[in-house]
């Protein structure tokens, strides 16, 4: 499984592995593809049993989604709409893996918004090369942009610091990761469990209390600079970063 706790830091390293999410109903082809991509240097996640694909996308933040185009549990158009909410330079790329090889079916895939359309059966080495080709422009875009912004907040990923009006927030490493994670997902509410997975990682022994403590510390640092209202508690759900008044 990928390590979400390292997602923010991964953007500070130009050689960071690209994250791939495979959504395939065939366990054998999924396993073969996963092993090949891991050997090629990618970080690979597969969709868990009965796991919702859209939730998996939001949780793992893949750079590429490889989706079984005939998967009975996936509505391709809905998946693509979900991905395209992000800015073009930041959104995940989508590669369709399909049994359908007719020209009109391939064109339909591209019209729906896929970045590549691969017909089964495929050559695994060629497929890995196509994955690299699809992700190459994205790697360049992320290398050129290591700055995130939200209202008065500015995240410099290369310098590993967050500023308010050019003044650096005094944050501990975990607090930095919490706030940077929320800045990457503004206006979205996260449960404590989702924050634990997204910031600390699945294998962490931290509990939900750690989320509350670090949110409180981060809010205190923001309040000192007049931005405490950005970090909001959504009663009964969790937390969000928002410019909306509560």
C-alpha atoms as a PDB file:
ATOM      1  CA  UNK A   1       0.000   0.000   0.000  1.00  0.00           C
ATOM      2  CA  UNK A   2       1.147   3.540  -0.526  1.00  0.00           C
ATOM      3  CA  UNK A   3       2.140   5.693   2.459  1.00  0.00           C
ATOM      4  CA  UNK A   4      -0.184   8.737   2.563  1.00  0.00           C
ATOM      5  CA  UNK A   5       1.757  10.225   5.473  1.00  0.00           C
ATOM      6  CA  UNK A   6       4.591  10.956   3.051  1.00  0.00           C
ATOM      7  CA  UNK A   7       2.480  12.501   0.303  1.00  0.00           C
ATOM      8  CA  UNK A   8       3.204  16.120   1.138  1.00  0.00           C
ATOM      9  CA  UNK A   9       6.917  15.549   1.535  1.00  0.00           C
ATOM     10  CA  UNK A  10       7.086  13.564  -1.699  1.00  0.00           C
ATOM     11  CA  UNK A  11       6.554  16.726  -3.708  1.00  0.00           C
ATOM     12  CA  UNK A  12       9.798  18.158  -2.354  1.00  0.00           C
ATOM     13  CA  UNK A  13      11.828  15.401  -4.007  1.00  0.00           C
ATOM     14  CA  UNK A  14      12.170  15.428  -7.736  1.00  0.00           C
ATOM     15  CA  UNK A  15      12.883  11.713  -7.808  1.00  0.00           C
ATOM     16  CA  UNK A  16       9.805  10.849  -5.736  1.00  0.00           C
ATOM     17  CA  UNK A  17       7.971   7.824  -7.158  1.00  0.00           C
ATOM     18  CA  UNK A  18       4.688   8.446  -8.937  1.00  0.00           C
ATOM     19  CA  UNK A  19       1.622   6.966  -7.249  1.00  0.00           C
ATOM     20  CA  UNK A  20      -0.598   4.629  -9.281  1.00  0.00           C
ATOM     21  CA  UNK A  21      -4.041   3.353  -8.292  1.00  0.00           C
ATOM     22  CA  UNK A  22      -5.180   0.186 -10.089  1.00  0.00           C
ATOM     23  CA  UNK A  23      -8.916  -0.500 -10.304  1.00  0.00           C
ATOM     24  CA  UNK A  24      -9.208  -3.960 -11.855  1.00  0.00           C
ATOM     25  CA  UNK A  25     -11.786  -6.705 -11.272  1.00  0.00           C
ATOM     26  CA  UNK A  26      -9.338  -9.448 -12.308  1.00  0.00           C
ATOM     27  CA  UNK A  27      -7.025 -10.315  -9.369  1.00  0.00           C
ATOM     28  CA  UNK A  28      -4.470 -12.051 -11.593  1.00  0.00           C
ATOM     29  CA  UNK A  29      -4.023  -9.187 -14.058  1.00  0.00           C
ATOM     30  CA  UNK A  30      -4.080  -6.734 -11.162  1.00  0.00           C
ATOM     31  CA  UNK A  31      -1.290  -8.608  -9.395  1.00  0.00           C
ATOM     32  CA  UNK A  32       0.845  -8.870 -12.554  1.00  0.00           C
ATOM     33  CA  UNK A  33       0.441  -5.194 -13.333  1.00  0.00           C
ATOM     34  CA  UNK A  34       1.114  -4.143  -9.759  1.00  0.00           C
ATOM     35  CA  UNK A  35       4.315  -6.183  -9.526  1.00  0.00           C
ATOM     36  CA  UNK A  36       5.579  -4.833 -12.852  1.00  0.00           C
ATOM     37  CA  UNK A  37       4.918  -1.219 -11.878  1.00  0.00           C
ATOM     38  CA  UNK A  38       6.542  -1.662  -8.462  1.00  0.00           C
ATOM     39  CA  UNK A  39       9.641  -3.108 -10.137  1.00  0.00           C
ATOM     40  CA  UNK A  40       9.622  -0.080 -12.451  1.00  0.00           C
ATOM     41  CA  UNK A  41       9.783   2.241  -9.438  1.00  0.00           C
ATOM     42  CA  UNK A  42       6.150   3.286  -8.991  1.00  0.00           C
ATOM     43  CA  UNK A  43       4.215   3.331  -5.727  1.00  0.00           C
ATOM     44  CA  UNK A  44       1.147   1.197  -6.410  1.00  0.00           C
ATOM     45  CA  UNK A  45      -2.176   0.886  -4.604  1.00  0.00           C
ATOM     46  CA  UNK A  46      -5.016  -1.430  -5.551  1.00  0.00           C
ATOM     47  CA  UNK A  47      -8.694  -1.020  -4.763  1.00  0.00           C
ATOM     48  CA  UNK A  48      -9.623  -2.941  -1.632  1.00  0.00           C
ATOM     49  CA  UNK A  49     -12.551  -5.327  -1.395  1.00  0.00           C
ATOM     50  CA  UNK A  50     -15.807  -3.344  -1.486  1.00  0.00           C
ATOM     51  CA  UNK A  51     -13.786  -0.095  -1.310  1.00  0.00           C
ATOM     52  CA  UNK A  52     -15.341   2.882  -3.075  1.00  0.00           C
ATOM     53  CA  UNK A  53     -13.148   4.010  -5.995  1.00  0.00           C
ATOM     54  CA  UNK A  54     -13.825   7.726  -5.481  1.00  0.00           C
ATOM     55  CA  UNK A  55     -12.974   7.518  -1.791  1.00  0.00           C
ATOM     56  CA  UNK A  56      -9.785   5.641  -2.679  1.00  0.00           C
ATOM     57  CA  UNK A  57      -8.819   8.398  -5.113  1.00  0.00           C
ATOM     58  CA  UNK A  58      -9.312  11.079  -2.461  1.00  0.00           C
ATOM     59  CA  UNK A  59      -7.431   9.071   0.155  1.00  0.00           C
ATOM     60  CA  UNK A  60      -4.416   7.950  -1.879  1.00  0.00           C
ATOM     61  CA  UNK A  61      -4.143  10.976  -4.209  1.00  0.00           C
ATOM     62  CA  UNK A  62      -2.730   8.936  -7.121  1.00  0.00           C
ATOM     63  CA  UNK A  63      -0.977  10.560 -10.033  1.00  0.00           C
ATOM     64  CA  UNK A  64      -2.449   7.905 -12.338  1.00  0.00           C
ATOM     65  CA  UNK A  65      -5.608   5.796 -12.138  1.00  0.00           C
ATOM     66  CA  UNK A  66      -5.574   2.638 -14.249  1.00  0.00           C
ATOM     67  CA  UNK A  67      -9.194   1.519 -14.498  1.00  0.00           C
ATOM     68  CA  UNK A  68     -10.814  -1.601 -15.862  1.00  0.00           C
ATOM     69  CA  UNK A  69     -13.150   0.071 -18.365  1.00  0.00           C
ATOM     70  CA  UNK A  70     -15.707  -2.747 -18.109  1.00  0.00           C
ATOM     71  CA  UNK A  71     -15.577  -2.991 -14.297  1.00  0.00           C
ATOM     72  CA  UNK A  72     -19.196  -3.597 -13.205  1.00  0.00           C
ATOM     73  CA  UNK A  73     -18.778  -1.565 -10.020  1.00  0.00           C
ATOM     74  CA  UNK A  74     -17.333   1.542 -11.666  1.00  0.00           C
ATOM     75  CA  UNK A  75     -19.184   4.273 -13.536  1.00  0.00           C
ATOM     76  CA  UNK A  76     -16.370   5.611 -15.703  1.00  0.00           C
ATOM     77  CA  UNK A  77     -18.004   8.947 -16.443  1.00  0.00           C
ATOM     78  CA  UNK A  78     -18.552   9.586 -12.728  1.00  0.00           C
ATOM     79  CA  UNK A  79     -14.942   8.699 -11.940  1.00  0.00           C
ATOM     80  CA  UNK A  80     -13.647  11.064 -14.606  1.00  0.00           C
ATOM     81  CA  UNK A  81     -15.883  13.908 -13.417  1.00  0.00           C
ATOM     82  CA  UNK A  82     -14.570  13.356  -9.912  1.00  0.00           C
ATOM     83  CA  UNK A  83     -10.948  13.541 -11.073  1.00  0.00           C
ATOM     84  CA  UNK A  84     -11.534  16.604 -13.238  1.00  0.00           C
ATOM     85  CA  UNK A  85     -12.572  18.718 -10.265  1.00  0.00           C
ATOM     86  CA  UNK A  86      -8.866  19.340  -9.750  1.00  0.00           C
ATOM     87  CA  UNK A  87      -6.874  21.895 -11.728  1.00  0.00           C
ATOM     88  CA  UNK A  88      -5.458  20.333 -14.929  1.00  0.00           C
ATOM     89  CA  UNK A  89      -1.857  20.456 -13.722  1.00  0.00           C
ATOM     90  CA  UNK A  90      -2.723  18.676 -10.462  1.00  0.00           C
ATOM     91  CA  UNK A  91      -5.427  16.190 -11.390  1.00  0.00           C
ATOM     92  CA  UNK A  92      -4.773  12.482 -11.623  1.00  0.00           C
ATOM     93  CA  UNK A  93      -4.385  11.039 -15.108  1.00  0.00           C
ATOM     94  CA  UNK A  94      -6.753   8.247 -16.170  1.00  0.00           C
ATOM     95  CA  UNK A  95      -5.771   5.227 -18.253  1.00  0.00           C
ATOM     96  CA  UNK A  96      -8.548   2.940 -19.480  1.00  0.00           C
ATOM     97  CA  UNK A  97      -7.825  -0.807 -19.716  1.00  0.00           C
ATOM     98  CA  UNK A  98     -10.448  -2.243 -22.023  1.00  0.00           C
ATOM     99  CA  UNK A  99     -11.466  -5.354 -23.924  1.00  0.00           C
ATOM    100  CA  UNK A 100     -13.167  -3.175 -26.511  1.00  0.00           C
ATOM    101  CA  UNK A 101     -10.998  -2.393 -29.495  1.00  0.00           C
ATOM    102  CA  UNK A 102     -13.430  -0.850 -31.992  1.00  0.00           C
ATOM    103  CA  UNK A 103     -12.447   2.600 -33.174  1.00  0.00           C
ATOM    104  CA  UNK A 104     -15.681   4.230 -32.015  1.00  0.00           C
ATOM    105  CA  UNK A 105     -15.274   2.713 -28.548  1.00  0.00           C
ATOM    106  CA  UNK A 106     -11.721   3.994 -28.242  1.00  0.00           C
ATOM    107  CA  UNK A 107     -12.787   7.454 -29.434  1.00  0.00           C
ATOM    108  CA  UNK A 108     -15.622   7.407 -26.900  1.00  0.00           C
ATOM    109  CA  UNK A 109     -13.104   6.778 -24.132  1.00  0.00           C
ATOM    110  CA  UNK A 110     -11.019   9.772 -25.130  1.00  0.00           C
ATOM    111  CA  UNK A 111     -14.097  11.931 -25.504  1.00  0.00           C
ATOM    112  CA  UNK A 112     -15.095  11.039 -21.950  1.00  0.00           C
ATOM    113  CA  UNK A 113     -11.723  12.303 -20.759  1.00  0.00           C
ATOM    114  CA  UNK A 114      -9.227   9.442 -20.452  1.00  0.00           C
ATOM    115  CA  UNK A 115      -5.568  10.282 -21.021  1.00  0.00           C
ATOM    116  CA  UNK A 116      -4.787   6.921 -22.602  1.00  0.00           C
ATOM    117  CA  UNK A 117      -6.782   3.909 -23.763  1.00  0.00           C
ATOM    118  CA  UNK A 118      -5.133   0.475 -23.718  1.00  0.00           C
ATOM    119  CA  UNK A 119      -6.732  -2.560 -25.334  1.00  0.00           C
ATOM    120  CA  UNK A 120      -6.413  -5.953 -23.648  1.00  0.00           C
ATOM    121  CA  UNK A 121      -4.477  -8.178 -23.967  1.00  0.00           C
ATOM    122  CA  UNK A 122      -1.508  -5.860 -23.706  1.00  0.00           C
ATOM    123  CA  UNK A 123       2.250  -6.172 -23.439  1.00  0.00           C
ATOM    124  CA  UNK A 124       3.197  -5.360 -19.859  1.00  0.00           C
ATOM    125  CA  UNK A 125       6.559  -3.719 -20.778  1.00  0.00           C
ATOM    126  CA  UNK A 126       4.799  -1.559 -23.359  1.00  0.00           C
ATOM    127  CA  UNK A 127       2.103  -0.678 -20.833  1.00  0.00           C
ATOM    128  CA  UNK A 128       4.720   0.403 -18.287  1.00  0.00           C
ATOM    129  CA  UNK A 129       6.295   2.590 -20.975  1.00  0.00           C
ATOM    130  CA  UNK A 130       2.894   4.142 -21.665  1.00  0.00           C
ATOM    131  CA  UNK A 131       2.444   4.835 -17.948  1.00  0.00           C
ATOM    132  CA  UNK A 132       5.745   6.720 -17.954  1.00  0.00           C
ATOM    133  CA  UNK A 133       4.684   8.647 -21.041  1.00  0.00           C
ATOM    134  CA  UNK A 134       1.350   9.666 -19.525  1.00  0.00           C
ATOM    135  CA  UNK A 135       2.993  10.826 -16.293  1.00  0.00           C
ATOM    136  CA  UNK A 136       5.977  12.618 -17.848  1.00  0.00           C
ATOM    137  CA  UNK A 137       4.209  15.985 -18.377  1.00  0.00           C
ATOM    138  CA  UNK A 138       2.771  15.763 -14.857  1.00  0.00           C
ATOM    139  CA  UNK A 139       6.210  15.260 -13.333  1.00  0.00           C
ATOM    140  CA  UNK A 140       7.455  18.378 -15.086  1.00  0.00           C
ATOM    141  CA  UNK A 141       4.459  20.379 -13.862  1.00  0.00           C
ATOM    142  CA  UNK A 142       5.018  19.358 -10.240  1.00  0.00           C
ATOM    143  CA  UNK A 143       8.743  20.027 -10.444  1.00  0.00           C
ATOM    144  CA  UNK A 144       8.028  23.533 -11.734  1.00  0.00           C
ATOM    145  CA  UNK A 145       5.369  24.276  -9.082  1.00  0.00           C
ATOM    146  CA  UNK A 146       6.257  23.669  -5.454  1.00  0.00           C
ATOM    147  CA  UNK A 147       4.046  26.445  -4.089  1.00  0.00           C
ATOM    148  CA  UNK A 148       0.504  26.000  -2.744  1.00  0.00           C
ATOM    149  CA  UNK A 149      -1.712  28.925  -1.771  1.00  0.00           C
ATOM    150  CA  UNK A 150      -4.909  29.435   0.191  1.00  0.00           C
ATOM    151  CA  UNK A 151      -6.145  32.911   1.065  1.00  0.00           C
ATOM    152  CA  UNK A 152      -3.292  34.478   3.084  1.00  0.00           C
ATOM    153  CA  UNK A 153      -1.458  31.163   3.425  1.00  0.00           C
ATOM    154  CA  UNK A 154       1.413  30.137   1.172  1.00  0.00           C
ATOM    155  CA  UNK A 155       3.110  26.731   1.324  1.00  0.00           C
ATOM    156  CA  UNK A 156       6.666  26.430   0.066  1.00  0.00           C
ATOM    157  CA  UNK A 157       7.122  22.689  -0.355  1.00  0.00           C
ATOM    158  CA  UNK A 158      10.777  22.979  -1.323  1.00  0.00           C
ATOM    159  CA  UNK A 159      11.598  24.935   1.833  1.00  0.00           C
ATOM    160  CA  UNK A 160       9.117  22.939   3.937  1.00  0.00           C
ATOM    161  CA  UNK A 161       7.469  26.005   5.437  1.00  0.00           C
ATOM    162  CA  UNK A 162       4.106  27.749   5.517  1.00  0.00           C
ATOM    163  CA  UNK A 163       3.859  31.532   5.497  1.00  0.00           C
ATOM    164  CA  UNK A 164       1.194  34.103   6.307  1.00  0.00           C
ATOM    165  CA  UNK A 165       1.850  37.356   4.459  1.00  0.00           C
ATOM    166  CA  UNK A 166       5.519  36.344   4.052  1.00  0.00           C
ATOM    167  CA  UNK A 167       5.913  35.529   7.769  1.00  0.00           C
ATOM    168  CA  UNK A 168       6.744  31.908   8.536  1.00  0.00           C
ATOM    169  CA  UNK A 169       4.373  29.983  10.789  1.00  0.00           C
ATOM    170  CA  UNK A 170       6.211  28.292  13.689  1.00  0.00           C
ATOM    171  CA  UNK A 171       4.946  24.747  13.116  1.00  0.00           C
ATOM    172  CA  UNK A 172       6.175  21.363  14.239  1.00  0.00           C
ATOM    173  CA  UNK A 173       6.715  18.814  11.408  1.00  0.00           C
ATOM    174  CA  UNK A 174       3.398  17.047  12.035  1.00  0.00           C
ATOM    175  CA  UNK A 175       1.535  20.361  12.202  1.00  0.00           C
ATOM    176  CA  UNK A 176       3.109  21.322   8.887  1.00  0.00           C
ATOM    177  CA  UNK A 177       1.878  18.099   7.315  1.00  0.00           C
ATOM    178  CA  UNK A 178      -1.618  18.565   8.726  1.00  0.00           C
ATOM    179  CA  UNK A 179      -1.957  22.113   7.419  1.00  0.00           C
ATOM    180  CA  UNK A 180      -0.302  21.379   4.072  1.00  0.00           C
ATOM    181  CA  UNK A 181      -2.656  18.411   3.609  1.00  0.00           C
ATOM    182  CA  UNK A 182      -5.701  20.620   4.277  1.00  0.00           C
ATOM    183  CA  UNK A 183      -4.399  23.376   1.993  1.00  0.00           C
ATOM    184  CA  UNK A 184      -4.208  20.811  -0.790  1.00  0.00           C
ATOM    185  CA  UNK A 185      -7.896  20.034  -0.172  1.00  0.00           C
ATOM    186  CA  UNK A 186      -9.555  23.366   0.684  1.00  0.00           C
ATOM    187  CA  UNK A 187     -13.247  23.533   1.609  1.00  0.00           C
ATOM    188  CA  UNK A 188     -13.427  19.758   2.100  1.00  0.00           C
ATOM    189  CA  UNK A 189     -14.399  18.199   5.423  1.00  0.00           C
ATOM    190  CA  UNK A 190     -12.184  15.357   6.693  1.00  0.00           C
ATOM    191  CA  UNK A 191     -13.004  12.987   9.513  1.00  0.00           C
ATOM    192  CA  UNK A 192     -10.342  12.299  12.128  1.00  0.00           C
ATOM    193  CA  UNK A 193      -9.848   8.847  10.642  1.00  0.00           C
ATOM    194  CA  UNK A 194      -9.273  10.303   7.177  1.00  0.00           C
ATOM    195  CA  UNK A 195      -6.745  12.770   8.563  1.00  0.00           C
ATOM    196  CA  UNK A 196      -4.945   9.963  10.385  1.00  0.00           C
ATOM    197  CA  UNK A 197      -4.653   8.035   7.132  1.00  0.00           C
ATOM    198  CA  UNK A 198      -3.785  11.053   4.985  1.00  0.00           C
ATOM    199  CA  UNK A 199      -1.214  12.624   7.315  1.00  0.00           C
ATOM    200  CA  UNK A 200       0.121   9.915   9.651  1.00  0.00           C
ATOM    201  CA  UNK A 201      -0.347   6.902   7.349  1.00  0.00           C
ATOM    202  CA  UNK A 202      -2.155   3.591   7.683  1.00  0.00           C
ATOM    203  CA  UNK A 203       0.597   1.952   9.733  1.00  0.00           C
ATOM    204  CA  UNK A 204       0.883   4.727  12.322  1.00  0.00           C
ATOM    205  CA  UNK A 205       0.018   3.985  15.941  1.00  0.00           C
ATOM    206  CA  UNK A 206      -1.334   7.520  16.421  1.00  0.00           C
ATOM    207  CA  UNK A 207      -4.982   7.794  17.428  1.00  0.00           C
ATOM    208  CA  UNK A 208      -7.703  10.367  16.866  1.00  0.00           C
ATOM    209  CA  UNK A 209      -6.531  12.312  19.911  1.00  0.00           C
ATOM    210  CA  UNK A 210      -3.333  13.079  17.990  1.00  0.00           C
ATOM    211  CA  UNK A 211      -5.455  14.696  15.298  1.00  0.00           C
ATOM    212  CA  UNK A 212      -7.270  16.901  17.808  1.00  0.00           C
ATOM    213  CA  UNK A 213      -4.068  17.972  19.550  1.00  0.00           C
ATOM    214  CA  UNK A 214      -2.267  18.897  16.340  1.00  0.00           C
ATOM    215  CA  UNK A 215      -5.303  20.700  14.947  1.00  0.00           C
ATOM    216  CA  UNK A 216      -5.491  22.764  18.154  1.00  0.00           C
ATOM    217  CA  UNK A 217      -1.790  23.616  17.995  1.00  0.00           C
ATOM    218  CA  UNK A 218      -2.010  24.523  14.326  1.00  0.00           C
ATOM    219  CA  UNK A 219      -5.073  26.692  14.906  1.00  0.00           C
ATOM    220  CA  UNK A 220      -3.263  28.461  17.745  1.00  0.00           C
ATOM    221  CA  UNK A 221      -0.342  29.260  15.426  1.00  0.00           C
ATOM    222  CA  UNK A 222      -2.748  30.535  12.762  1.00  0.00           C
ATOM    223  CA  UNK A 223      -4.682  32.620  15.302  1.00  0.00           C
ATOM    224  CA  UNK A 224      -1.473  34.464  16.228  1.00  0.00           C
ATOM    225  CA  UNK A 225      -1.408  35.707  12.630  1.00  0.00           C
ATOM    226  CA  UNK A 226      -5.141  36.392  12.443  1.00  0.00           C
ATOM    227  CA  UNK A 227      -5.975  33.272  10.397  1.00  0.00           C
ATOM    228  CA  UNK A 228      -7.352  30.961  13.046  1.00  0.00           C
ATOM    229  CA  UNK A 229     -10.834  31.052  11.511  1.00  0.00           C
ATOM    230  CA  UNK A 230      -9.562  29.173   8.440  1.00  0.00           C
ATOM    231  CA  UNK A 231      -9.135  25.936  10.401  1.00  0.00           C
ATOM    232  CA  UNK A 232     -12.698  24.990  11.231  1.00  0.00           C
ATOM    233  CA  UNK A 233     -14.307  22.265  13.311  1.00  0.00           C
ATOM    234  CA  UNK A 234     -17.363  20.681  11.707  1.00  0.00           C
ATOM    235  CA  UNK A 235     -19.369  19.393  14.626  1.00  0.00           C
ATOM    236  CA  UNK A 236     -19.930  15.650  14.574  1.00  0.00           C
ATOM    237  CA  UNK A 237     -17.762  15.165  11.462  1.00  0.00           C
ATOM    238  CA  UNK A 238     -14.219  16.510  11.640  1.00  0.00           C
ATOM    239  CA  UNK A 239     -12.213  19.431  10.307  1.00  0.00           C
ATOM    240  CA  UNK A 240     -11.816  21.534   7.191  1.00  0.00           C
ATOM    241  CA  UNK A 241      -9.812  24.470   5.880  1.00  0.00           C
ATOM    242  CA  UNK A 242     -12.267  27.076   4.651  1.00  0.00           C
ATOM    243  CA  UNK A 243     -12.622  30.804   4.026  1.00  0.00           C
ATOM    244  CA  UNK A 244     -16.352  30.606   4.755  1.00  0.00           C
ATOM    245  CA  UNK A 245     -17.517  32.205   7.985  1.00  0.00           C
ATOM    246  CA  UNK A 246     -18.993  29.814  10.538  1.00  0.00           C
END
